[in-house]
Amino acid sequence: QLQLVESGGGLVQTGGSLRLSCAASGFTLDDYAIGWFRQAPGKEREGVSCISTDTSSTYYANSVKGRFTISRDTAKNTVYLQINSLKPEDTGVYYCAADVHLIGLCVLRKNDYDYWGQGTQVTVSS
C-alpha cells in the first residue's frame, strides 16, 4: 500500500524554523515528483514547493522563496521541507504529495498529484 506520512509540524514563534518530513512506504520517493502544499483555515490548498524526480528542478511559491528549501534524502526515502523565518501567514496544515507522471520536472498544480499524506499542522504565533 502506497503511503505518505508527514511529520515535523508544531507551534513556533514568528521568525522560527521547522523541518517538515515526508516519508514514504510502499514505494520509492525518488521515482516521483514530490510537492508540498498547505491549507490555512477557510482557504484553498495552495502549492508551496516541489522537487523533480532527479532533483534537477525545484520550484517555490513567491510567498516562500528564500525562506523554504525542499530536498531529498534517498537513503531515508524522505523529502524534507526546511522552513525558516516563519510568519503567521505560514500557519496551516502542510501536506506532501506524489506525482506519478512527471519526470525531470515538477509543478504546483494540486490536481496533478496522485498520492497525499494526512498533513502536519504548522502554527506560527505572532
PDB file of N, CA and C in Angstrom:
ATOM      1  N   GLN A   1       0.849  -1.185   0.000  1.00  0.00           N
ATOM      2  CA  GLN A   1       0.000   0.000   0.000  1.00  0.00           C
ATOM      3  C   GLN A   1       0.888   1.240   0.000  1.00  0.00           C
ATOM      4  N   LEU A   2       0.603   2.160  -0.925  1.00  0.00           N
ATOM      5  CA  LEU A   2       1.393   3.368  -1.010  1.00  0.00           C
ATOM      6  C   LEU A   2       0.927   4.349   0.049  1.00  0.00           C
ATOM      7  N   GLN A   3       1.875   4.890   0.796  1.00  0.00           N
ATOM      8  CA  GLN A   3       1.518   5.787   1.881  1.00  0.00           C
ATOM      9  C   GLN A   3       2.563   6.873   2.045  1.00  0.00           C
ATOM     10  N   LEU A   4       2.095   8.085   2.290  1.00  0.00           N
ATOM     11  CA  LEU A   4       2.962   9.213   2.619  1.00  0.00           C
ATOM     12  C   LEU A   4       2.610   9.676   4.023  1.00  0.00           C
ATOM     13  N   VAL A   5       3.635   9.954   4.811  1.00  0.00           N
ATOM     14  CA  VAL A   5       3.414  10.405   6.176  1.00  0.00           C
ATOM     15  C   VAL A   5       4.250  11.644   6.437  1.00  0.00           C
ATOM     16  N   GLU A   6       3.571  12.732   6.780  1.00  0.00           N
ATOM     17  CA  GLU A   6       4.266  13.969   7.123  1.00  0.00           C
ATOM     18  C   GLU A   6       4.501  14.034   8.625  1.00  0.00           C
ATOM     19  N   SER A   7       5.549  14.735   8.999  1.00  0.00           N
ATOM     20  CA  SER A   7       5.837  14.980  10.412  1.00  0.00           C
ATOM     21  C   SER A   7       6.683  16.242  10.526  1.00  0.00           C
ATOM     22  N   GLY A   8       6.852  16.714  11.749  1.00  0.00           N
ATOM     23  CA  GLY A   8       7.725  17.853  11.986  1.00  0.00           C
ATOM     24  C   GLY A   8       7.008  19.164  12.238  1.00  0.00           C
ATOM     25  N   GLY A   9       5.695  19.169  12.119  1.00  0.00           N
ATOM     26  CA  GLY A   9       4.966  20.394  12.391  1.00  0.00           C
ATOM     27  C   GLY A   9       4.967  20.730  13.874  1.00  0.00           C
ATOM     28  N   GLY A  10       4.454  21.919  14.188  1.00  0.00           N
ATOM     29  CA  GLY A  10       4.395  22.322  15.584  1.00  0.00           C
ATOM     30  C   GLY A  10       4.028  23.778  15.720  1.00  0.00           C
ATOM     31  N   LEU A  11       4.141  24.252  16.947  1.00  0.00           N
ATOM     32  CA  LEU A  11       3.863  25.651  17.256  1.00  0.00           C
ATOM     33  C   LEU A  11       5.180  26.384  17.436  1.00  0.00           C
ATOM     34  N   VAL A  12       5.380  27.433  16.659  1.00  0.00           N
ATOM     35  CA  VAL A  12       6.616  28.205  16.749  1.00  0.00           C
ATOM     36  C   VAL A  12       6.290  29.694  16.758  1.00  0.00           C
ATOM     37  N   GLN A  13       7.230  30.478  17.203  1.00  0.00           N
ATOM     38  CA  GLN A  13       7.069  31.929  17.187  1.00  0.00           C
ATOM     39  C   GLN A  13       7.490  32.485  15.826  1.00  0.00           C
ATOM     40  N   THR A  14       7.017  33.661  15.537  1.00  0.00           N
ATOM     41  CA  THR A  14       7.439  34.352  14.316  1.00  0.00           C
ATOM     42  C   THR A  14       8.964  34.414  14.264  1.00  0.00           C
ATOM     43  N   GLY A  15       9.495  34.095  13.093  1.00  0.00           N
ATOM     44  CA  GLY A  15      10.936  34.081  12.911  1.00  0.00           C
ATOM     45  C   GLY A  15      11.584  32.735  13.163  1.00  0.00           C
ATOM     46  N   GLY A  16      10.828  31.804  13.692  1.00  0.00           N
ATOM     47  CA  GLY A  16      11.360  30.479  13.991  1.00  0.00           C
ATOM     48  C   GLY A  16      11.489  29.595  12.767  1.00  0.00           C
ATOM     49  N   SER A  17      11.923  28.359  13.006  1.00  0.00           N
ATOM     50  CA  SER A  17      12.165  27.410  11.923  1.00  0.00           C
ATOM     51  C   SER A  17      11.590  26.045  12.274  1.00  0.00           C
ATOM     52  N   LEU A  18      11.273  25.309  11.240  1.00  0.00           N
ATOM     53  CA  LEU A  18      10.849  23.916  11.377  1.00  0.00           C
ATOM     54  C   LEU A  18      11.388  23.138  10.186  1.00  0.00           C
ATOM     55  N   ARG A  19      11.552  21.845  10.377  1.00  0.00           N
ATOM     56  CA  ARG A  19      11.847  20.983   9.248  1.00  0.00           C
ATOM     57  C   ARG A  19      10.757  19.926   9.144  1.00  0.00           C
ATOM     58  N   LEU A  20      10.020  19.985   8.070  1.00  0.00           N
ATOM     59  CA  LEU A  20       8.965  19.019   7.831  1.00  0.00           C
ATOM     60  C   LEU A  20       9.521  17.843   7.049  1.00  0.00           C
ATOM     61  N   SER A  21       9.038  16.658   7.376  1.00  0.00           N
ATOM     62  CA  SER A  21       9.468  15.443   6.694  1.00  0.00           C
ATOM     63  C   SER A  21       8.283  14.777   6.011  1.00  0.00           C
ATOM     64  N   CYS A  22       8.572  14.183   4.884  1.00  0.00           N
ATOM     65  CA  CYS A  22       7.578  13.406   4.147  1.00  0.00           C
ATOM     66  C   CYS A  22       8.207  12.050   3.879  1.00  0.00           C
ATOM     67  N   ALA A  23       7.764  11.041   4.605  1.00  0.00           N
ATOM     68  CA  ALA A  23       8.309   9.700   4.474  1.00  0.00           C
ATOM     69  C   ALA A  23       7.338   8.824   3.700  1.00  0.00           C
ATOM     70  N   ALA A  24       7.910   7.915   2.922  1.00  0.00           N
ATOM     71  CA  ALA A  24       7.079   7.044   2.096  1.00  0.00           C
ATOM     72  C   ALA A  24       7.212   5.589   2.514  1.00  0.00           C
ATOM     73  N   SER A  25       6.135   4.880   2.335  1.00  0.00           N
ATOM     74  CA  SER A  25       6.174   3.428   2.490  1.00  0.00           C
ATOM     75  C   SER A  25       5.432   2.817   1.318  1.00  0.00           C
ATOM     76  N   GLY A  26       5.956   1.698   0.854  1.00  0.00           N
ATOM     77  CA  GLY A  26       5.314   1.025  -0.261  1.00  0.00           C
ATOM     78  C   GLY A  26       5.796   1.473  -1.625  1.00  0.00           C
ATOM     79  N   PHE A  27       6.613   2.522  -1.685  1.00  0.00           N
ATOM     80  CA  PHE A  27       7.172   2.959  -2.955  1.00  0.00           C
ATOM     81  C   PHE A  27       8.397   3.821  -2.697  1.00  0.00           C
ATOM     82  N   THR A  28       9.159   4.080  -3.767  1.00  0.00           N
ATOM     83  CA  THR A  28      10.393   4.857  -3.660  1.00  0.00           C
ATOM     84  C   THR A  28      10.112   6.296  -4.070  1.00  0.00           C
ATOM     85  N   LEU A  29      10.347   7.215  -3.160  1.00  0.00           N
ATOM     86  CA  LEU A  29      10.042   8.614  -3.434  1.00  0.00           C
ATOM     87  C   LEU A  29      10.845   9.173  -4.597  1.00  0.00           C
ATOM     88  N   ASP A  30      12.046   8.658  -4.821  1.00  0.00           N
ATOM     89  CA  ASP A  30      12.874   9.165  -5.915  1.00  0.00           C
ATOM     90  C   ASP A  30      12.217   8.973  -7.276  1.00  0.00           C
ATOM     91  N   ASP A  31      11.252   8.077  -7.366  1.00  0.00           N
ATOM     92  CA  ASP A  31      10.576   7.804  -8.640  1.00  0.00           C
ATOM     93  C   ASP A  31       9.465   8.793  -8.949  1.00  0.00           C
ATOM     94  N   TYR A  32       9.221   9.729  -8.005  1.00  0.00           N
ATOM     95  CA  TYR A  32       8.077  10.630  -8.160  1.00  0.00           C
ATOM     96  C   TYR A  32       8.479  12.082  -7.914  1.00  0.00           C
ATOM     97  N   ALA A  33       7.856  12.961  -8.661  1.00  0.00           N
ATOM     98  CA  ALA A  33       7.921  14.375  -8.290  1.00  0.00           C
ATOM     99  C   ALA A  33       7.138  14.540  -6.992  1.00  0.00           C
ATOM    100  N   ILE A  34       7.695  15.307  -6.082  1.00  0.00           N
ATOM    101  CA  ILE A  34       7.062  15.498  -4.770  1.00  0.00           C
ATOM    102  C   ILE A  34       6.752  16.973  -4.577  1.00  0.00           C
ATOM    103  N   GLY A  35       5.567  17.226  -4.112  1.00  0.00           N
ATOM    104  CA  GLY A  35       5.158  18.594  -3.836  1.00  0.00           C
ATOM    105  C   GLY A  35       4.751  18.770  -2.390  1.00  0.00           C
ATOM    106  N   TRP A  36       4.956  19.957  -1.895  1.00  0.00           N
ATOM    107  CA  TRP A  36       4.443  20.362  -0.575  1.00  0.00           C
ATOM    108  C   TRP A  36       3.350  21.401  -0.810  1.00  0.00           C
ATOM    109  N   PHE A  37       2.240  21.205  -0.124  1.00  0.00           N
ATOM    110  CA  PHE A  37       1.102  22.111  -0.202  1.00  0.00           C
ATOM    111  C   PHE A  37       0.697  22.502   1.211  1.00  0.00           C
ATOM    112  N   ARG A  38      -0.036  23.568   1.341  1.00  0.00           N
ATOM    113  CA  ARG A  38      -0.537  23.946   2.653  1.00  0.00           C
ATOM    114  C   ARG A  38      -1.951  24.484   2.524  1.00  0.00           C
ATOM    115  N   GLN A  39      -2.666  24.359   3.617  1.00  0.00           N
ATOM    116  CA  GLN A  39      -4.041  24.840   3.633  1.00  0.00           C
ATOM    117  C   GLN A  39      -4.315  25.533   4.951  1.00  0.00           C
ATOM    118  N   ALA A  40      -4.620  26.816   4.859  1.00  0.00           N
ATOM    119  CA  ALA A  40      -4.983  27.598   6.032  1.00  0.00           C
ATOM    120  C   ALA A  40      -6.493  27.490   6.241  1.00  0.00           C
ATOM    121  N   PRO A  41      -6.950  27.718   7.470  1.00  0.00           N
ATOM    122  CA  PRO A  41      -8.390  27.637   7.728  1.00  0.00           C
ATOM    123  C   PRO A  41      -9.187  28.551   6.819  1.00  0.00           C
ATOM    124  N   GLY A  42     -10.202  27.995   6.177  1.00  0.00           N
ATOM    125  CA  GLY A  42     -11.061  28.786   5.322  1.00  0.00           C
ATOM    126  C   GLY A  42     -10.497  29.128   3.959  1.00  0.00           C
ATOM    127  N   LYS A  43      -9.316  28.597   3.661  1.00  0.00           N
ATOM    128  CA  LYS A  43      -8.681  28.896   2.376  1.00  0.00           C
ATOM    129  C   LYS A  43      -8.453  27.623   1.574  1.00  0.00           C
ATOM    130  N   GLU A  44      -8.217  27.807   0.285  1.00  0.00           N
ATOM    131  CA  GLU A  44      -7.931  26.661  -0.560  1.00  0.00           C
ATOM    132  C   GLU A  44      -6.502  26.167  -0.326  1.00  0.00           C
ATOM    133  N   ARG A  45      -6.305  24.907  -0.644  1.00  0.00           N
ATOM    134  CA  ARG A  45      -4.962  24.338  -0.562  1.00  0.00           C
ATOM    135  C   ARG A  45      -4.092  24.968  -1.652  1.00  0.00           C
ATOM    136  N   GLU A  46      -2.901  25.393  -1.261  1.00  0.00           N
ATOM    137  CA  GLU A  46      -2.005  26.053  -2.205  1.00  0.00           C
ATOM    138  C   GLU A  46      -0.660  25.351  -2.258  1.00  0.00           C
ATOM    139  N   GLY A  47      -0.037  25.404  -3.420  1.00  0.00           N
ATOM    140  CA  GLY A  47       1.276  24.809  -3.574  1.00  0.00           C
ATOM    141  C   GLY A  47       2.354  25.683  -2.965  1.00  0.00           C
ATOM    142  N   VAL A  48       3.310  25.047  -2.322  1.00  0.00           N
ATOM    143  CA  VAL A  48       4.397  25.754  -1.647  1.00  0.00           C
ATOM    144  C   VAL A  48       5.722  25.500  -2.352  1.00  0.00           C
ATOM    145  N   SER A  49       6.007  24.234  -2.610  1.00  0.00           N
ATOM    146  CA  SER A  49       7.285  23.881  -3.227  1.00  0.00           C
ATOM    147  C   SER A  49       7.181  22.488  -3.815  1.00  0.00           C
ATOM    148  N   CYS A  50       8.034  22.215  -4.793  1.00  0.00           N
ATOM    149  CA  CYS A  50       8.090  20.864  -5.349  1.00  0.00           C
ATOM    150  C   CYS A  50       9.500  20.574  -5.821  1.00  0.00           C
ATOM    151  N   ILE A  51       9.780  19.267  -6.009  1.00  0.00           N
ATOM    152  CA  ILE A  51      11.087  18.819  -6.451  1.00  0.00           C
ATOM    153  C   ILE A  51      10.899  17.691  -7.449  1.00  0.00           C
ATOM    154  N   SER A  52      11.700  17.718  -8.507  1.00  0.00           N
ATOM    155  CA  SER A  52      11.560  16.717  -9.556  1.00  0.00           C
ATOM    156  C   SER A  52      12.202  15.400  -9.145  1.00  0.00           C
ATOM    157  N   THR A  53      11.987  14.381  -9.966  1.00  0.00           N
ATOM    158  CA  THR A  53      12.495  13.051  -9.669  1.00  0.00           C
ATOM    159  C   THR A  53      14.016  13.030  -9.548  1.00  0.00           C
ATOM    160  N   ASP A  54      14.717  13.777 -10.391  1.00  0.00           N
ATOM    161  CA  ASP A  54      16.181  13.762 -10.375  1.00  0.00           C
ATOM    162  C   ASP A  54      16.759  14.935  -9.600  1.00  0.00           C
ATOM    163  N   THR A  55      15.926  15.667  -8.898  1.00  0.00           N
ATOM    164  CA  THR A  55      16.274  16.857  -8.082  1.00  0.00           C
ATOM    165  C   THR A  55      16.840  17.994  -8.912  1.00  0.00           C
ATOM    166  N   SER A  56      16.809  17.876 -10.237  1.00  0.00           N
ATOM    167  CA  SER A  56      17.357  18.949 -11.059  1.00  0.00           C
ATOM    168  C   SER A  56      16.452  20.167 -11.081  1.00  0.00           C
ATOM    169  N   SER A  57      15.208  19.966 -10.742  1.00  0.00           N
ATOM    170  CA  SER A  57      14.236  21.046 -10.793  1.00  0.00           C
ATOM    171  C   SER A  57      13.531  21.179  -9.460  1.00  0.00           C
ATOM    172  N   THR A  58      13.554  22.391  -8.931  1.00  0.00           N
ATOM    173  CA  THR A  58      12.770  22.713  -7.747  1.00  0.00           C
ATOM    174  C   THR A  58      11.997  23.991  -8.044  1.00  0.00           C
ATOM    175  N   TYR A  59      10.914  24.152  -7.325  1.00  0.00           N
ATOM    176  CA  TYR A  59      10.067  25.324  -7.561  1.00  0.00           C
ATOM    177  C   TYR A  59       9.488  25.774  -6.231  1.00  0.00           C
ATOM    178  N   TYR A  60       9.401  27.085  -6.081  1.00  0.00           N
ATOM    179  CA  TYR A  60       8.865  27.649  -4.847  1.00  0.00           C
ATOM    180  C   TYR A  60       7.808  28.694  -5.174  1.00  0.00           C
ATOM    181  N   ALA A  61       6.769  28.716  -4.388  1.00  0.00           N
ATOM    182  CA  ALA A  61       5.809  29.798  -4.497  1.00  0.00           C
ATOM    183  C   ALA A  61       6.483  31.114  -4.114  1.00  0.00           C
ATOM    184  N   ASN A  62       6.061  32.202  -4.696  1.00  0.00           N
ATOM    185  CA  ASN A  62       6.695  33.501  -4.425  1.00  0.00           C
ATOM    186  C   ASN A  62       6.669  33.846  -2.940  1.00  0.00           C
ATOM    187  N   SER A  63       5.635  33.425  -2.264  1.00  0.00           N
ATOM    188  CA  SER A  63       5.469  33.786  -0.860  1.00  0.00           C
ATOM    189  C   SER A  63       6.499  33.110   0.053  1.00  0.00           C
ATOM    190  N   VAL A  64       7.183  32.075  -0.444  1.00  0.00           N
ATOM    191  CA  VAL A  64       8.118  31.349   0.418  1.00  0.00           C
ATOM    192  C   VAL A  64       9.542  31.361  -0.115  1.00  0.00           C
ATOM    193  N   LYS A  65       9.773  31.945  -1.273  1.00  0.00           N
ATOM    194  CA  LYS A  65      11.113  31.973  -1.840  1.00  0.00           C
ATOM    195  C   LYS A  65      12.102  32.629  -0.891  1.00  0.00           C
ATOM    196  N   GLY A  66      13.251  31.988  -0.764  1.00  0.00           N
ATOM    197  CA  GLY A  66      14.276  32.498   0.120  1.00  0.00           C
ATOM    198  C   GLY A  66      14.120  32.066   1.566  1.00  0.00           C
ATOM    199  N   ARG A  67      12.968  31.476   1.914  1.00  0.00           N
ATOM    200  CA  ARG A  67      12.733  31.030   3.287  1.00  0.00           C
ATOM    201  C   ARG A  67      12.554  29.521   3.384  1.00  0.00           C
ATOM    202  N   PHE A  68      12.057  28.899   2.345  1.00  0.00           N
ATOM    203  CA  PHE A  68      11.795  27.457   2.347  1.00  0.00           C
ATOM    204  C   PHE A  68      12.790  26.770   1.430  1.00  0.00           C
ATOM    205  N   THR A  69      13.195  25.561   1.816  1.00  0.00           N
ATOM    206  CA  THR A  69      14.088  24.759   0.987  1.00  0.00           C
ATOM    207  C   THR A  69      13.600  23.322   0.976  1.00  0.00           C
ATOM    208  N   ILE A  70      13.433  22.776  -0.224  1.00  0.00           N
ATOM    209  CA  ILE A  70      13.000  21.393  -0.374  1.00  0.00           C
ATOM    210  C   ILE A  70      14.208  20.539  -0.743  1.00  0.00           C
ATOM    211  N   SER A  71      14.252  19.319  -0.223  1.00  0.00           N
ATOM    212  CA  SER A  71      15.377  18.434  -0.518  1.00  0.00           C
ATOM    213  C   SER A  71      14.942  16.979  -0.364  1.00  0.00           C
ATOM    214  N   ARG A  72      15.769  16.097  -0.919  1.00  0.00           N
ATOM    215  CA  ARG A  72      15.517  14.668  -0.813  1.00  0.00           C
ATOM    216  C   ARG A  72      16.635  13.986  -0.024  1.00  0.00           C
ATOM    217  N   ASP A  73      16.280  12.919   0.673  1.00  0.00           N
ATOM    218  CA  ASP A  73      17.259  12.012   1.274  1.00  0.00           C
ATOM    219  C   ASP A  73      16.915  10.623   0.758  1.00  0.00           C
ATOM    220  N   THR A  74      17.656  10.194  -0.251  1.00  0.00           N
ATOM    221  CA  THR A  74      17.351   8.924  -0.892  1.00  0.00           C
ATOM    222  C   THR A  74      17.458   7.756   0.067  1.00  0.00           C
ATOM    223  N   ALA A  75      18.487   7.759   0.894  1.00  0.00           N
ATOM    224  CA  ALA A  75      18.718   6.647   1.815  1.00  0.00           C
ATOM    225  C   ALA A  75      17.555   6.469   2.791  1.00  0.00           C
ATOM    226  N   LYS A  76      16.920   7.585   3.150  1.00  0.00           N
ATOM    227  CA  LYS A  76      15.828   7.533   4.118  1.00  0.00           C
ATOM    228  C   LYS A  76      14.459   7.537   3.435  1.00  0.00           C
ATOM    229  N   ASN A  77      14.466   7.592   2.097  1.00  0.00           N
ATOM    230  CA  ASN A  77      13.218   7.624   1.352  1.00  0.00           C
ATOM    231  C   ASN A  77      12.298   8.720   1.880  1.00  0.00           C
ATOM    232  N   THR A  78      12.885   9.895   2.021  1.00  0.00           N
ATOM    233  CA  THR A  78      12.199  11.015   2.663  1.00  0.00           C
ATOM    234  C   THR A  78      12.471  12.302   1.882  1.00  0.00           C
ATOM    235  N   VAL A  79      11.469  13.153   1.840  1.00  0.00           N
ATOM    236  CA  VAL A  79      11.633  14.506   1.307  1.00  0.00           C
ATOM    237  C   VAL A  79      11.415  15.484   2.456  1.00  0.00           C
ATOM    238  N   TYR A  80      12.261  16.494   2.517  1.00  0.00           N
ATOM    239  CA  TYR A  80      12.187  17.479   3.595  1.00  0.00           C
ATOM    240  C   TYR A  80      11.762  18.840   3.055  1.00  0.00           C
ATOM    241  N   LEU A  81      11.159  19.590   3.934  1.00  0.00           N
ATOM    242  CA  LEU A  81      10.893  20.998   3.662  1.00  0.00           C
ATOM    243  C   LEU A  81      11.399  21.787   4.858  1.00  0.00           C
ATOM    244  N   GLN A  82      12.520  22.453   4.662  1.00  0.00           N
ATOM    245  CA  GLN A  82      13.075  23.321   5.704  1.00  0.00           C
ATOM    246  C   GLN A  82      12.394  24.674   5.599  1.00  0.00           C
ATOM    247  N   ILE A  83      11.770  25.099   6.666  1.00  0.00           N
ATOM    248  CA  ILE A  83      11.063  26.377   6.628  1.00  0.00           C
ATOM    249  C   ILE A  83      11.646  27.305   7.689  1.00  0.00           C
ATOM    250  N   ASN A  84      12.151  28.427   7.246  1.00  0.00           N
ATOM    251  CA  ASN A  84      12.810  29.405   8.102  1.00  0.00           C
ATOM    252  C   ASN A  84      12.053  30.726   8.081  1.00  0.00           C
ATOM    253  N   SER A  85      12.404  31.588   9.023  1.00  0.00           N
ATOM    254  CA  SER A  85      11.806  32.929   9.084  1.00  0.00           C
ATOM    255  C   SER A  85      10.285  32.858   9.004  1.00  0.00           C
ATOM    256  N   LEU A  86       9.723  31.985   9.817  1.00  0.00           N
ATOM    257  CA  LEU A  86       8.293  31.755   9.753  1.00  0.00           C
ATOM    258  C   LEU A  86       7.484  32.997  10.091  1.00  0.00           C
ATOM    259  N   LYS A  87       6.368  33.125   9.396  1.00  0.00           N
ATOM    260  CA  LYS A  87       5.452  34.249   9.583  1.00  0.00           C
ATOM    261  C   LYS A  87       4.079  33.694   9.980  1.00  0.00           C
ATOM    262  N   PRO A  88       3.260  34.482  10.639  1.00  0.00           N
ATOM    263  CA  PRO A  88       1.919  34.000  10.993  1.00  0.00           C
ATOM    264  C   PRO A  88       1.124  33.516   9.785  1.00  0.00           C
ATOM    265  N   GLU A  89       1.345  34.117   8.639  1.00  0.00           N
ATOM    266  CA  GLU A  89       0.618  33.699   7.431  1.00  0.00           C
ATOM    267  C   GLU A  89       1.083  32.351   6.883  1.00  0.00           C
ATOM    268  N   ASP A  90       2.118  31.793   7.447  1.00  0.00           N
ATOM    269  CA  ASP A  90       2.550  30.439   7.084  1.00  0.00           C
ATOM    270  C   ASP A  90       1.743  29.375   7.823  1.00  0.00           C
ATOM    271  N   THR A  91       0.919  29.784   8.746  1.00  0.00           N
ATOM    272  CA  THR A  91       0.117  28.836   9.519  1.00  0.00           C
ATOM    273  C   THR A  91      -0.824  28.039   8.623  1.00  0.00           C
ATOM    274  N   GLY A  92      -0.895  26.739   8.878  1.00  0.00           N
ATOM    275  CA  GLY A  92      -1.786  25.878   8.128  1.00  0.00           C
ATOM    276  C   GLY A  92      -1.387  24.428   8.277  1.00  0.00           C
ATOM    277  N   VAL A  93      -2.152  23.574   7.616  1.00  0.00           N
ATOM    278  CA  VAL A  93      -1.797  22.160   7.546  1.00  0.00           C
ATOM    279  C   VAL A  93      -0.960  21.962   6.295  1.00  0.00           C
ATOM    280  N   TYR A  94       0.188  21.353   6.476  1.00  0.00           N
ATOM    281  CA  TYR A  94       1.112  21.129   5.374  1.00  0.00           C
ATOM    282  C   TYR A  94       1.016  19.667   4.930  1.00  0.00           C
ATOM    283  N   TYR A  95       0.854  19.502   3.626  1.00  0.00           N
ATOM    284  CA  TYR A  95       0.715  18.182   3.032  1.00  0.00           C
ATOM    285  C   TYR A  95       1.834  17.937   2.026  1.00  0.00           C
ATOM    286  N   CYS A  96       2.304  16.689   1.963  1.00  0.00           N
ATOM    287  CA  CYS A  96       3.157  16.324   0.838  1.00  0.00           C
ATOM    288  C   CYS A  96       2.351  15.419  -0.088  1.00  0.00           C
ATOM    289  N   ALA A  97       2.762  15.417  -1.342  1.00  0.00           N
ATOM    290  CA  ALA A  97       2.036  14.655  -2.349  1.00  0.00           C
ATOM    291  C   ALA A  97       3.009  14.166  -3.410  1.00  0.00           C
ATOM    292  N   ALA A  98       2.644  13.064  -4.055  1.00  0.00           N
ATOM    293  CA  ALA A  98       3.485  12.452  -5.079  1.00  0.00           C
ATOM    294  C   ALA A  98       2.767  12.470  -6.430  1.00  0.00           C
ATOM    295  N   ASP A  99       3.525  12.863  -7.438  1.00  0.00           N
ATOM    296  CA  ASP A  99       3.014  12.904  -8.816  1.00  0.00           C
ATOM    297  C   ASP A  99       3.671  11.782  -9.600  1.00  0.00           C
ATOM    298  N   VAL A 100       2.874  10.856 -10.096  1.00  0.00           N
ATOM    299  CA  VAL A 100       3.435   9.671 -10.741  1.00  0.00           C
ATOM    300  C   VAL A 100       3.774   9.887 -12.204  1.00  0.00           C
ATOM    301  N   HIS A 101       3.406  11.028 -12.776  1.00  0.00           N
ATOM    302  CA  HIS A 101       3.541  11.198 -14.220  1.00  0.00           C
ATOM    303  C   HIS A 101       4.763  11.997 -14.652  1.00  0.00           C
ATOM    304  N   LEU A 102       5.166  12.976 -13.844  1.00  0.00           N
ATOM    305  CA  LEU A 102       6.204  13.896 -14.282  1.00  0.00           C
ATOM    306  C   LEU A 102       7.591  13.332 -14.016  1.00  0.00           C
ATOM    307  N   ILE A 103       8.442  13.431 -15.029  1.00  0.00           N
ATOM    308  CA  ILE A 103       9.832  13.002 -14.912  1.00  0.00           C
ATOM    309  C   ILE A 103      10.720  14.197 -15.229  1.00  0.00           C
ATOM    310  N   GLY A 104      11.605  14.547 -14.312  1.00  0.00           N
ATOM    311  CA  GLY A 104      12.562  15.610 -14.567  1.00  0.00           C
ATOM    312  C   GLY A 104      12.060  17.024 -14.368  1.00  0.00           C
ATOM    313  N   LEU A 105      10.819  17.154 -13.923  1.00  0.00           N
ATOM    314  CA  LEU A 105      10.311  18.479 -13.611  1.00  0.00           C
ATOM    315  C   LEU A 105       9.195  18.323 -12.588  1.00  0.00           C
ATOM    316  N   CYS A 106       8.719  19.433 -12.076  1.00  0.00           N
ATOM    317  CA  CYS A 106       7.601  19.378 -11.145  1.00  0.00           C
ATOM    318  C   CYS A 106       6.739  20.622 -11.338  1.00  0.00           C
ATOM    319  N   VAL A 107       5.514  20.535 -10.896  1.00  0.00           N
ATOM    320  CA  VAL A 107       4.578  21.641 -10.982  1.00  0.00           C
ATOM    321  C   VAL A 107       3.832  21.738  -9.666  1.00  0.00           C
ATOM    322  N   LEU A 108       3.215  22.877  -9.423  1.00  0.00           N
ATOM    323  CA  LEU A 108       2.466  23.060  -8.181  1.00  0.00           C
ATOM    324  C   LEU A 108       0.961  23.114  -8.435  1.00  0.00           C
ATOM    325  N   ARG A 109       0.496  22.279  -9.332  1.00  0.00           N
ATOM    326  CA  ARG A 109      -0.940  22.135  -9.558  1.00  0.00           C
ATOM    327  C   ARG A 109      -1.411  20.944  -8.740  1.00  0.00           C
ATOM    328  N   LYS A 110      -2.227  21.204  -7.744  1.00  0.00           N
ATOM    329  CA  LYS A 110      -2.591  20.122  -6.827  1.00  0.00           C
ATOM    330  C   LYS A 110      -3.344  18.998  -7.523  1.00  0.00           C
ATOM    331  N   ASN A 111      -4.064  19.295  -8.584  1.00  0.00           N
ATOM    332  CA  ASN A 111      -4.818  18.244  -9.261  1.00  0.00           C
ATOM    333  C   ASN A 111      -3.920  17.264 -10.014  1.00  0.00           C
ATOM    334  N   ASP A 112      -2.650  17.611 -10.191  1.00  0.00           N
ATOM    335  CA  ASP A 112      -1.715  16.722 -10.854  1.00  0.00           C
ATOM    336  C   ASP A 112      -1.225  15.602  -9.944  1.00  0.00           C
ATOM    337  N   TYR A 113      -1.388  15.765  -8.650  1.00  0.00           N
ATOM    338  CA  TYR A 113      -0.794  14.843  -7.698  1.00  0.00           C
ATOM    339  C   TYR A 113      -1.729  13.688  -7.371  1.00  0.00           C
ATOM    340  N   ASP A 114      -1.111  12.512  -7.229  1.00  0.00           N
ATOM    341  CA  ASP A 114      -1.889  11.283  -7.143  1.00  0.00           C
ATOM    342  C   ASP A 114      -2.005  10.710  -5.732  1.00  0.00           C
ATOM    343  N   TYR A 115      -0.964  10.914  -4.935  1.00  0.00           N
ATOM    344  CA  TYR A 115      -0.971  10.376  -3.574  1.00  0.00           C
ATOM    345  C   TYR A 115      -0.692  11.503  -2.596  1.00  0.00           C
ATOM    346  N   TRP A 116      -1.424  11.492  -1.493  1.00  0.00           N
ATOM    347  CA  TRP A 116      -1.336  12.556  -0.498  1.00  0.00           C
ATOM    348  C   TRP A 116      -1.142  11.970   0.890  1.00  0.00           C
ATOM    349  N   GLY A 117      -0.409  12.711   1.706  1.00  0.00           N
ATOM    350  CA  GLY A 117      -0.312  12.360   3.114  1.00  0.00           C
ATOM    351  C   GLY A 117      -1.461  12.970   3.893  1.00  0.00           C
ATOM    352  N   GLN A 118      -1.436  12.761   5.198  1.00  0.00           N
ATOM    353  CA  GLN A 118      -2.538  13.214   6.042  1.00  0.00           C
ATOM    354  C   GLN A 118      -2.340  14.638   6.549  1.00  0.00           C
ATOM    355  N   GLY A 119      -1.134  15.159   6.403  1.00  0.00           N
ATOM    356  CA  GLY A 119      -0.847  16.529   6.794  1.00  0.00           C
ATOM    357  C   GLY A 119      -0.244  16.661   8.170  1.00  0.00           C
ATOM    358  N   THR A 120       0.483  17.746   8.366  1.00  0.00           N
ATOM    359  CA  THR A 120       1.044  18.093   9.667  1.00  0.00           C
ATOM    360  C   THR A 120       0.784  19.571   9.911  1.00  0.00           C
ATOM    361  N   GLN A 121       0.367  19.901  11.132  1.00  0.00           N
ATOM    362  CA  GLN A 121      -0.047  21.271  11.460  1.00  0.00           C
ATOM    363  C   GLN A 121       1.162  22.137  11.790  1.00  0.00           C
ATOM    364  N   VAL A 122       1.203  23.295  11.161  1.00  0.00           N
ATOM    365  CA  VAL A 122       2.191  24.318  11.490  1.00  0.00           C
ATOM    366  C   VAL A 122       1.438  25.551  11.964  1.00  0.00           C
ATOM    367  N   THR A 123       1.778  26.004  13.158  1.00  0.00           N
ATOM    368  CA  THR A 123       1.143  27.190  13.717  1.00  0.00           C
ATOM    369  C   THR A 123       2.227  28.180  14.120  1.00  0.00           C
ATOM    370  N   VAL A 124       2.130  29.386  13.594  1.00  0.00           N
ATOM    371  CA  VAL A 124       3.114  30.421  13.873  1.00  0.00           C
ATOM    372  C   VAL A 124       2.439  31.517  14.681  1.00  0.00           C
ATOM    373  N   SER A 125       2.944  31.737  15.866  1.00  0.00           N
ATOM    374  CA  SER A 125       2.369  32.759  16.738  1.00  0.00           C
ATOM    375  C   SER A 125       3.078  34.086  16.520  1.00  0.00           C
ATOM    376  N   SER A 126       2.319  35.156  16.657  1.00  0.00           N
ATOM    377  CA  SER A 126       2.896  36.496  16.431  1.00  0.00           C
ATOM    378  C   SER A 126       3.386  37.102  17.728  1.00  0.00           C
TER     379      SER A 126
END
